[in-house]
């Protein structure tokens, strides 16, 4: 996570942070062992085992882990992190939808030149354009709400489901058959996240065009290092940035899903973790920025 490389990253807070990931894995181990475990202090030697669960188990005590495999713990922790991210997204999407409704009420009847293929077409109302934004954001919110959050519990080779129902109930997750090499739960979440940035990108692109033509303006434009008179549409630029980069992350998740092998993947599983982290954080940031953008959007009627 770096605000220097990804301005606005701080908006995501602890979403998919190392600390949140570690706490989620400890929560899984605690639920499994029925012992209230605490997050260990100090660094873990993650590289030596290829994933964070192996050194975590050594720090917590192997007796708490008996019956699970590393993938059970790590996948279930990812699902817990996804659930938290979706809750954040739902709140900001609700805020964005409320802002669009206010725009429709205040400026829905304002006429503007409709444009097709970037060229002037026929007169429309701003309400028509705003309602298109709203529909896209509402569709994204519905896709996120339709996600399920399945527990992963299959033991060493995905055949031991004896503790599945108990672990799912303890963590308030959906009971499911082991999905060690069947990754639709991950790709479905990735698709919903990208649908969300698609909707935000549509808003941002229209605002960028509208600001270029003097029709729309952000509440607080960003400054220029060499032209102090400028008020750049910075939020729109940053949202568009996310919309341009997140589809590639979802594509990586699908590539990883297609490269699963036998009972445990040899690298494809490992490729998901940071990819999903980036996708979730960038989506959370983009939706937060979109809600702020819409809340302060000015119309030059």
Protein backbone atom coordinates (compact mmCIF):
# COMPACT_ATOMS: atom_id res chain seq x y z
CA UNK A 1 0.00 0.00 0.00
CA UNK A 2 1.51 3.31 -1.06
CA UNK A 3 -0.12 6.67 -1.43
CA UNK A 4 2.89 7.87 -3.40
CA UNK A 5 2.32 5.28 -6.12
CA UNK A 6 -1.48 5.27 -5.80
CA UNK A 7 -2.76 8.66 -4.61
CA UNK A 8 -5.77 8.16 -2.38
CA UNK A 9 -4.76 4.68 -1.20
CA UNK A 10 -5.19 5.82 2.41
CA UNK A 11 -8.95 5.82 1.81
CA UNK A 12 -8.88 2.02 1.88
CA UNK A 13 -7.53 2.01 5.42
CA UNK A 14 -7.09 -1.54 6.72
CA UNK A 15 -8.87 -3.20 3.79
CA UNK A 16 -6.62 -6.13 2.78
CA UNK A 17 -3.73 -4.76 4.81
CA UNK A 18 -1.05 -7.10 6.17
CA UNK A 19 -2.39 -6.52 9.67
CA UNK A 20 -5.97 -7.32 8.65
CA UNK A 21 -4.81 -10.44 6.77
CA UNK A 22 -2.89 -11.71 9.78
CA UNK A 23 -5.84 -11.02 12.09
CA UNK A 24 -8.18 -12.88 9.71
CA UNK A 25 -5.92 -15.93 9.65
CA UNK A 26 -5.72 -15.92 13.45
CA UNK A 27 -9.53 -15.65 13.57
CA UNK A 28 -9.79 -18.78 11.43
CA UNK A 29 -7.36 -20.70 13.65
CA UNK A 30 -9.23 -19.50 16.75
CA UNK A 31 -12.59 -20.57 15.36
CA UNK A 32 -11.20 -23.96 14.40
CA UNK A 33 -9.47 -24.70 17.69
CA UNK A 34 -12.12 -22.98 19.84
CA UNK A 35 -9.32 -21.15 21.58
CA UNK A 36 -9.07 -17.37 21.67
CA UNK A 37 -5.68 -16.91 20.01
CA UNK A 38 -3.86 -13.59 19.72
CA UNK A 39 -1.99 -12.15 16.76
CA UNK A 40 1.73 -12.89 17.23
CA UNK A 41 4.20 -10.03 17.50
CA UNK A 42 7.22 -9.78 15.27
CA UNK A 43 7.84 -10.70 11.64
CA UNK A 44 6.99 -14.08 10.14
CA UNK A 45 9.33 -15.95 7.80
CA UNK A 46 6.73 -16.17 5.05
CA UNK A 47 9.07 -16.93 2.15
CA UNK A 48 10.42 -20.19 3.55
CA UNK A 49 7.05 -21.92 3.42
CA UNK A 50 5.60 -20.05 0.47
CA UNK A 51 2.63 -18.71 2.42
CA UNK A 52 1.97 -16.95 5.71
CA UNK A 53 0.07 -19.79 7.37
CA UNK A 54 3.07 -22.08 7.91
CA UNK A 55 5.08 -19.67 10.10
CA UNK A 56 1.85 -18.47 11.75
CA UNK A 57 1.01 -22.02 12.83
CA UNK A 58 4.51 -22.39 14.24
CA UNK A 59 4.01 -19.19 16.24
CA UNK A 60 0.53 -20.11 17.50
CA UNK A 61 1.18 -23.77 18.16
CA UNK A 62 0.54 -26.61 15.75
CA UNK A 63 -2.11 -28.21 17.96
CA UNK A 64 -4.54 -25.39 17.09
CA UNK A 65 -4.19 -26.15 13.38
CA UNK A 66 -4.59 -29.94 13.39
CA UNK A 67 -7.05 -31.08 10.70
CA UNK A 68 -6.65 -28.01 8.51
CA UNK A 69 -4.30 -27.33 5.64
CA UNK A 70 -2.65 -23.99 4.93
CA UNK A 71 -5.02 -23.30 2.07
CA UNK A 72 -8.04 -23.77 4.33
CA UNK A 73 -6.81 -21.01 6.61
CA UNK A 74 -5.57 -18.64 3.94
CA UNK A 75 -8.59 -18.94 1.64
CA UNK A 76 -11.03 -18.50 4.50
CA UNK A 77 -9.08 -15.44 5.65
CA UNK A 78 -9.31 -13.99 2.13
CA UNK A 79 -13.07 -14.51 2.20
CA UNK A 80 -13.28 -12.67 5.53
CA UNK A 81 -11.30 -9.78 4.04
CA UNK A 82 -13.54 -9.74 0.97
CA UNK A 83 -16.63 -9.57 3.16
CA UNK A 84 -15.23 -6.54 4.96
CA UNK A 85 -14.32 -4.86 1.67
CA UNK A 86 -17.80 -5.42 0.25
CA UNK A 87 -19.34 -3.85 3.34
CA UNK A 88 -17.19 -0.76 2.81
CA UNK A 89 -18.15 -0.64 -0.87
CA UNK A 90 -21.85 -0.95 -0.13
CA UNK A 91 -21.75 2.05 2.20
CA UNK A 92 -19.92 4.25 -0.31
CA UNK A 93 -22.08 3.10 -3.22
CA UNK A 94 -25.15 4.08 -1.17
CA UNK A 95 -23.56 7.49 -0.67
CA UNK A 96 -22.86 7.80 -4.39
CA UNK A 97 -26.42 6.83 -5.31
CA UNK A 98 -27.84 9.40 -2.89
CA UNK A 99 -25.62 12.04 -4.51
CA UNK A 100 -26.87 11.13 -7.99
CA UNK A 101 -30.46 11.38 -6.78
CA UNK A 102 -29.78 14.89 -5.53
CA UNK A 103 -28.26 15.81 -8.89
CA UNK A 104 -31.32 14.52 -10.71
CA UNK A 105 -33.60 16.49 -8.43
CA UNK A 106 -31.61 19.71 -8.79
CA UNK A 107 -30.56 19.54 -12.45
CA UNK A 108 -32.50 16.70 -14.06
CA UNK A 109 -34.48 19.04 -16.32
CA UNK A 110 -31.44 20.98 -17.51
CA UNK A 111 -30.89 20.48 -21.22
CA UNK A 112 -27.53 19.63 -22.71
CA UNK A 113 -26.24 18.53 -26.08
CA UNK A 114 -26.15 14.77 -26.28
CA UNK A 115 -23.04 13.40 -27.96
CA UNK A 116 -22.44 10.15 -29.80
CA UNK A 117 -18.96 9.08 -30.88
CA UNK A 118 -17.86 12.31 -29.12
CA UNK A 119 -19.75 14.46 -31.65
CA UNK A 120 -22.87 16.63 -31.08
CA UNK A 121 -26.05 14.60 -31.63
CA UNK A 122 -29.46 15.58 -30.19
CA UNK A 123 -30.57 17.56 -27.17
CA UNK A 124 -31.09 15.55 -23.98
CA UNK A 125 -31.57 16.36 -20.33
CA UNK A 126 -28.87 15.97 -17.74
CA UNK A 127 -31.34 13.78 -15.88
CA UNK A 128 -31.03 11.19 -18.65
CA UNK A 129 -27.25 11.11 -18.30
CA UNK A 130 -27.38 11.05 -14.51
CA UNK A 131 -29.85 8.17 -14.50
CA UNK A 132 -27.45 6.17 -16.66
CA UNK A 133 -24.79 6.72 -14.00
CA UNK A 134 -27.23 5.66 -11.33
CA UNK A 135 -28.19 2.46 -13.13
CA UNK A 136 -24.55 1.42 -13.48
CA UNK A 137 -23.79 2.09 -9.82
CA UNK A 138 -26.95 0.28 -8.72
CA UNK A 139 -26.07 -2.74 -10.89
CA UNK A 140 -22.62 -2.88 -9.30
CA UNK A 141 -24.10 -2.67 -5.82
CA UNK A 142 -26.48 -5.52 -6.66
CA UNK A 143 -23.63 -7.68 -7.98
CA UNK A 144 -21.69 -7.15 -4.76
CA UNK A 145 -24.76 -7.90 -2.64
CA UNK A 146 -25.24 -11.17 -4.53
CA UNK A 147 -21.80 -12.48 -3.56
CA UNK A 148 -21.58 -15.38 -1.14
CA UNK A 149 -18.69 -15.86 1.24
CA UNK A 150 -17.85 -19.57 1.51
CA UNK A 151 -15.64 -21.17 4.10
CA UNK A 152 -12.72 -23.27 2.87
CA UNK A 153 -12.32 -26.47 4.85
CA UNK A 154 -11.07 -29.61 3.16
CA UNK A 155 -7.92 -30.76 4.91
CA UNK A 156 -4.69 -31.82 3.17
CA UNK A 157 -6.20 -32.92 -0.16
CA UNK A 158 -9.69 -31.45 0.03
CA UNK A 159 -11.47 -34.63 1.11
CA UNK A 160 -12.09 -34.02 4.83
CA UNK A 161 -15.23 -31.94 5.27
CA UNK A 162 -16.06 -33.08 8.79
CA UNK A 163 -15.47 -29.64 10.30
CA UNK A 164 -16.90 -27.52 7.51
CA UNK A 165 -20.28 -26.71 9.05
CA UNK A 166 -18.79 -25.91 12.44
CA UNK A 167 -16.12 -23.57 11.03
CA UNK A 168 -18.62 -21.84 8.76
CA UNK A 169 -21.00 -21.23 11.66
CA UNK A 170 -18.23 -19.92 13.91
CA UNK A 171 -17.16 -17.36 11.30
CA UNK A 172 -20.66 -16.63 9.95
CA UNK A 173 -19.64 -17.81 6.49
CA UNK A 174 -21.46 -20.06 4.01
CA UNK A 175 -20.78 -23.78 4.31
CA UNK A 176 -19.40 -25.13 1.03
CA UNK A 177 -17.68 -28.09 -0.51
CA UNK A 178 -13.88 -27.59 -0.65
CA UNK A 179 -12.87 -25.34 -3.53
CA UNK A 180 -9.07 -25.63 -3.34
CA UNK A 181 -8.69 -25.78 -7.13
CA UNK A 182 -12.14 -24.55 -8.13
CA UNK A 183 -11.74 -20.79 -7.89
CA UNK A 184 -15.09 -19.39 -8.92
CA UNK A 185 -15.57 -17.80 -5.49
CA UNK A 186 -12.52 -15.66 -6.17
CA UNK A 187 -13.21 -14.85 -9.83
CA UNK A 188 -16.86 -14.04 -9.05
CA UNK A 189 -15.72 -11.52 -6.46
CA UNK A 190 -13.15 -10.11 -8.86
CA UNK A 191 -15.79 -9.71 -11.55
CA UNK A 192 -18.10 -7.85 -9.15
CA UNK A 193 -15.26 -5.54 -8.13
CA UNK A 194 -14.46 -4.73 -11.76
CA UNK A 195 -18.13 -4.14 -12.55
CA UNK A 196 -17.98 -1.57 -9.77
CA UNK A 197 -14.96 0.26 -11.16
CA UNK A 198 -16.54 0.10 -14.62
CA UNK A 199 -19.55 2.02 -13.29
CA UNK A 200 -17.32 4.52 -11.50
CA UNK A 201 -15.19 4.94 -14.62
CA UNK A 202 -18.27 5.80 -16.68
CA UNK A 203 -19.10 8.59 -14.24
CA UNK A 204 -15.54 9.86 -14.25
CA UNK A 205 -15.25 9.84 -18.04
CA UNK A 206 -18.45 11.86 -18.43
CA UNK A 207 -17.32 14.36 -15.81
CA UNK A 208 -13.96 14.75 -17.54
CA UNK A 209 -15.71 15.50 -20.84
CA UNK A 210 -18.22 17.78 -19.17
CA UNK A 211 -15.51 19.73 -17.39
CA UNK A 212 -13.58 20.14 -20.64
CA UNK A 213 -16.67 21.69 -22.23
CA UNK A 214 -17.54 23.86 -19.25
CA UNK A 215 -20.72 21.97 -18.38
CA UNK A 216 -19.55 20.30 -15.16
CA UNK A 217 -16.92 20.95 -12.51
CA UNK A 218 -15.59 19.16 -9.46
CA UNK A 219 -16.19 20.89 -6.15
CA UNK A 220 -12.48 21.32 -5.53
CA UNK A 221 -10.26 21.02 -8.55
CA UNK A 222 -6.66 20.01 -8.12
CA UNK A 223 -3.84 22.44 -8.69
CA UNK A 224 -1.11 22.44 -11.30
CA UNK A 225 2.60 22.60 -10.50
CA UNK A 226 3.25 25.04 -13.36
CA UNK A 227 -0.13 26.67 -14.08
CA UNK A 228 -1.65 28.03 -10.86
CA UNK A 229 -4.80 29.21 -12.66
CA UNK A 230 -5.90 25.62 -13.39
CA UNK A 231 -8.43 23.58 -11.41
CA UNK A 232 -7.90 20.05 -12.68
CA UNK A 233 -10.65 17.40 -12.30
CA UNK A 234 -8.38 15.29 -10.10
CA UNK A 235 -10.96 12.94 -8.58
CA UNK A 236 -12.26 12.04 -12.04
CA UNK A 237 -8.73 11.39 -13.24
CA UNK A 238 -8.00 9.10 -10.29
CA UNK A 239 -11.26 7.19 -10.68
CA UNK A 240 -10.60 6.73 -14.40
CA UNK A 241 -7.12 5.43 -13.50
CA UNK A 242 -8.69 2.69 -11.39
CA UNK A 243 -11.19 1.78 -14.10
CA UNK A 244 -8.34 1.37 -16.59
CA UNK A 245 -6.22 -0.89 -14.35
CA UNK A 246 -8.62 -3.14 -12.45
CA UNK A 247 -9.79 -5.26 -15.43
CA UNK A 248 -6.24 -6.55 -15.84
CA UNK A 249 -6.21 -7.65 -12.21
CA UNK A 250 -9.45 -9.58 -12.68
CA UNK A 251 -7.96 -11.17 -15.80
CA UNK A 252 -5.06 -12.41 -13.68
CA UNK A 253 -7.53 -14.04 -11.29
CA UNK A 254 -9.16 -15.84 -14.23
CA UNK A 255 -5.77 -16.94 -15.56
CA UNK A 256 -4.95 -18.32 -12.13
CA UNK A 257 -8.28 -20.13 -12.02
CA UNK A 258 -7.60 -21.72 -15.40
CA UNK A 259 -4.13 -22.87 -14.31
CA UNK A 260 -5.24 -24.82 -11.25
CA UNK A 261 -3.97 -28.39 -11.15
CA UNK A 262 -5.01 -31.57 -9.36
CA UNK A 263 -5.60 -31.04 -5.62
CA UNK A 264 -3.37 -28.00 -5.01
CA UNK A 265 -2.08 -25.39 -7.43
CA UNK A 266 1.66 -24.83 -7.84
CA UNK A 267 1.77 -21.04 -8.19
CA UNK A 268 -1.65 -20.17 -9.59
CA UNK A 269 -3.12 -20.04 -6.08
CA UNK A 270 -0.22 -17.93 -4.90
CA UNK A 271 -0.77 -15.45 -7.73
CA UNK A 272 -4.23 -14.61 -6.43
CA UNK A 273 -3.40 -13.08 -3.07
CA UNK A 274 -1.69 -9.83 -3.98
CA UNK A 275 -3.82 -9.52 -7.11
CA UNK A 276 -7.00 -9.67 -5.05
CA UNK A 277 -5.53 -7.26 -2.51
CA UNK A 278 -4.78 -4.67 -5.17
CA UNK A 279 -8.15 -5.13 -6.84
CA UNK A 280 -10.09 -4.77 -3.60
CA UNK A 281 -8.16 -1.74 -2.35
CA UNK A 282 -8.29 0.05 -5.70
CA UNK A 283 -12.04 -0.55 -5.92
CA UNK A 284 -12.64 0.74 -2.40
CA UNK A 285 -10.59 3.86 -3.17
CA UNK A 286 -12.36 4.45 -6.50
CA UNK A 287 -15.85 4.15 -5.01
CA UNK A 288 -14.97 6.49 -2.15
CA UNK A 289 -13.59 9.01 -4.64
CA UNK A 290 -16.65 8.63 -6.88
CA UNK A 291 -18.99 9.30 -3.96
CA UNK A 292 -17.04 12.47 -3.11
CA UNK A 293 -16.99 13.48 -6.78
CA UNK A 294 -20.76 13.14 -7.14
CA UNK A 295 -21.47 14.75 -3.78
CA UNK A 296 -19.65 17.92 -4.82
CA UNK A 297 -20.32 17.95 -8.58
CA UNK A 298 -21.26 21.38 -9.89
CA UNK A 299 -23.44 21.93 -12.95
CA UNK A 300 -22.95 25.09 -15.01
CA UNK A 301 -26.51 25.30 -16.23
